[in-house]
């Protein structure tokens, strides 16, 4: 899934050492404000020190976040987590360079008054036509 919005908060990074493997880990959470008809806020996390540095997410940036949704149970309650696997910066269109519209040459009129006069002066080719029109 993906959402596009503005980063309104960068929460402090959390780190530790896995009890199972003994490897160190790091995760950081961000708050994304998704605008629209019904604006929403959501929290997503980036896991891994290398990804946190790679994405380098700053407050007030417009980003598109690609994420997976995961749920886990703790003490009889279920909690959702949005884990980002890719974050792309949204590039705003430049407003200072508006497209230039080139004026076009006036089109030749398809029918002019003079053409109508010339047609009225021309004789009818077959006057023996018995059609009423």
Protein backbone atom coordinates (compact mmCIF):
# COMPACT_ATOMS: atom_id res chain seq x y z
CA UNK A 1 0.00 0.00 0.00
CA UNK A 2 1.02 3.61 -0.29
CA UNK A 3 0.08 7.00 1.11
CA UNK A 4 1.22 10.49 0.16
CA UNK A 5 1.36 13.31 2.67
CA UNK A 6 3.44 15.66 4.75
CA UNK A 7 5.74 14.57 7.59
CA UNK A 8 4.56 16.46 10.68
CA UNK A 9 6.68 14.70 13.33
CA UNK A 10 9.87 12.67 13.50
CA UNK A 11 9.85 10.63 16.70
CA UNK A 12 13.08 9.65 18.49
CA UNK A 13 14.84 6.54 17.21
CA UNK A 14 14.65 3.42 19.35
CA UNK A 15 17.40 0.80 19.43
CA UNK A 16 18.38 -2.30 21.29
CA UNK A 17 19.89 -5.75 21.08
CA UNK A 18 17.85 -8.78 20.07
CA UNK A 19 17.57 -11.30 22.92
CA UNK A 20 17.18 -14.10 20.43
CA UNK A 21 20.05 -13.36 18.01
CA UNK A 22 22.22 -10.88 19.88
CA UNK A 23 22.20 -8.46 16.90
CA UNK A 24 21.58 -4.76 17.39
CA UNK A 25 18.50 -3.15 15.85
CA UNK A 26 17.10 0.35 15.30
CA UNK A 27 13.66 1.65 14.39
CA UNK A 28 12.22 5.14 13.99
CA UNK A 29 8.63 6.33 13.73
CA UNK A 30 7.21 9.22 11.72
CA UNK A 31 3.79 10.91 11.68
CA UNK A 32 2.32 11.45 8.22
CA UNK A 33 -0.50 13.96 7.61
CA UNK A 34 -2.57 12.76 4.65
CA UNK A 35 -4.61 15.64 3.25
CA UNK A 36 -7.82 15.33 1.29
CA UNK A 37 -11.53 15.60 1.84
CA UNK A 38 -11.15 13.77 5.17
CA UNK A 39 -7.57 14.45 6.35
CA UNK A 40 -5.95 11.72 8.45
CA UNK A 41 -2.77 11.24 10.39
CA UNK A 42 -0.92 7.95 10.66
CA UNK A 43 2.27 6.69 12.23
CA UNK A 44 4.65 4.51 10.23
CA UNK A 45 7.99 3.03 11.15
CA UNK A 46 11.25 2.43 9.34
CA UNK A 47 13.22 -0.54 10.60
CA UNK A 48 16.99 -0.69 10.25
CA UNK A 49 19.68 1.91 10.76
CA UNK A 50 20.74 1.71 7.10
CA UNK A 51 17.19 2.44 5.85
CA UNK A 52 16.72 5.27 8.35
CA UNK A 53 19.87 6.92 6.97
CA UNK A 54 18.96 6.08 3.37
CA UNK A 55 15.49 7.68 3.54
CA UNK A 56 16.71 10.65 5.65
CA UNK A 57 13.15 11.79 6.37
CA UNK A 58 12.83 15.37 7.63
CA UNK A 59 9.83 17.26 9.06
CA UNK A 60 7.63 19.19 6.59
CA UNK A 61 8.64 17.03 3.62
CA UNK A 62 6.02 15.79 1.15
CA UNK A 63 6.60 12.05 0.72
CA UNK A 64 4.97 8.95 -0.69
CA UNK A 65 5.34 6.04 1.72
CA UNK A 66 5.12 2.44 0.50
CA UNK A 67 4.36 0.18 3.45
CA UNK A 68 3.14 -3.19 4.65
CA UNK A 69 0.54 -3.54 7.38
CA UNK A 70 1.28 -5.96 10.20
CA UNK A 71 -0.63 -6.79 13.38
CA UNK A 72 0.57 -8.40 16.59
CA UNK A 73 -1.00 -9.44 19.88
CA UNK A 74 0.27 -8.26 23.26
CA UNK A 75 -1.50 -9.09 26.55
CA UNK A 76 -4.74 -9.95 24.80
CA UNK A 77 -4.84 -6.77 22.67
CA UNK A 78 -4.00 -6.42 19.01
CA UNK A 79 -1.85 -3.61 17.60
CA UNK A 80 -1.32 -2.58 13.98
CA UNK A 81 1.97 -1.39 12.58
CA UNK A 82 2.74 0.26 9.25
CA UNK A 83 6.27 -0.74 8.21
CA UNK A 84 7.70 1.39 5.42
CA UNK A 85 9.84 -0.36 2.84
CA UNK A 86 10.24 2.62 0.51
CA UNK A 87 9.90 6.39 0.91
CA UNK A 88 9.92 8.72 -2.09
CA UNK A 89 10.01 12.49 -1.99
CA UNK A 90 7.22 14.21 -3.87
CA UNK A 91 8.52 16.81 -6.28
CA UNK A 92 6.19 19.77 -6.57
CA UNK A 93 5.64 21.15 -10.06
CA UNK A 94 7.52 24.36 -10.69
CA UNK A 95 5.11 27.27 -10.92
CA UNK A 96 7.62 29.85 -12.15
CA UNK A 97 7.90 28.26 -15.60
CA UNK A 98 4.43 28.23 -17.08
CA UNK A 99 4.04 26.65 -20.49
CA UNK A 100 4.25 29.16 -23.31
CA UNK A 101 1.33 29.12 -25.69
CA UNK A 102 2.36 30.04 -29.21
CA UNK A 103 -0.21 32.04 -31.17
CA UNK A 104 -1.40 30.21 -34.24
CA UNK A 105 -1.94 31.72 -37.68
CA UNK A 106 -5.58 32.53 -38.41
CA UNK A 107 -7.23 29.76 -40.33
CA UNK A 108 -8.51 30.44 -43.80
CA UNK A 109 -12.25 30.83 -43.91
CA UNK A 110 -13.94 27.81 -45.41
CA UNK A 111 -16.67 29.81 -47.12
CA UNK A 112 -16.63 33.50 -47.92
CA UNK A 113 -19.32 35.77 -49.29
CA UNK A 114 -17.53 36.09 -52.58
CA UNK A 115 -17.50 32.30 -53.04
CA UNK A 116 -21.29 32.33 -52.59
CA UNK A 117 -21.67 35.03 -55.24
CA UNK A 118 -19.50 33.12 -57.70
CA UNK A 119 -21.57 29.96 -57.18
CA UNK A 120 -24.83 31.86 -57.73
CA UNK A 121 -23.55 33.25 -61.04
CA UNK A 122 -22.56 29.83 -62.42
CA UNK A 123 -25.14 28.19 -64.70
CA UNK A 124 -26.76 24.94 -63.63
CA UNK A 125 -25.20 22.08 -65.60
CA UNK A 126 -28.36 20.09 -66.29
CA UNK A 127 -31.60 22.05 -66.28
CA UNK A 128 -33.67 19.10 -67.56
CA UNK A 129 -33.46 17.43 -64.16
CA UNK A 130 -36.97 16.47 -63.03
CA UNK A 131 -36.09 16.27 -59.35
CA UNK A 132 -37.97 18.81 -57.25
CA UNK A 133 -34.90 19.93 -55.38
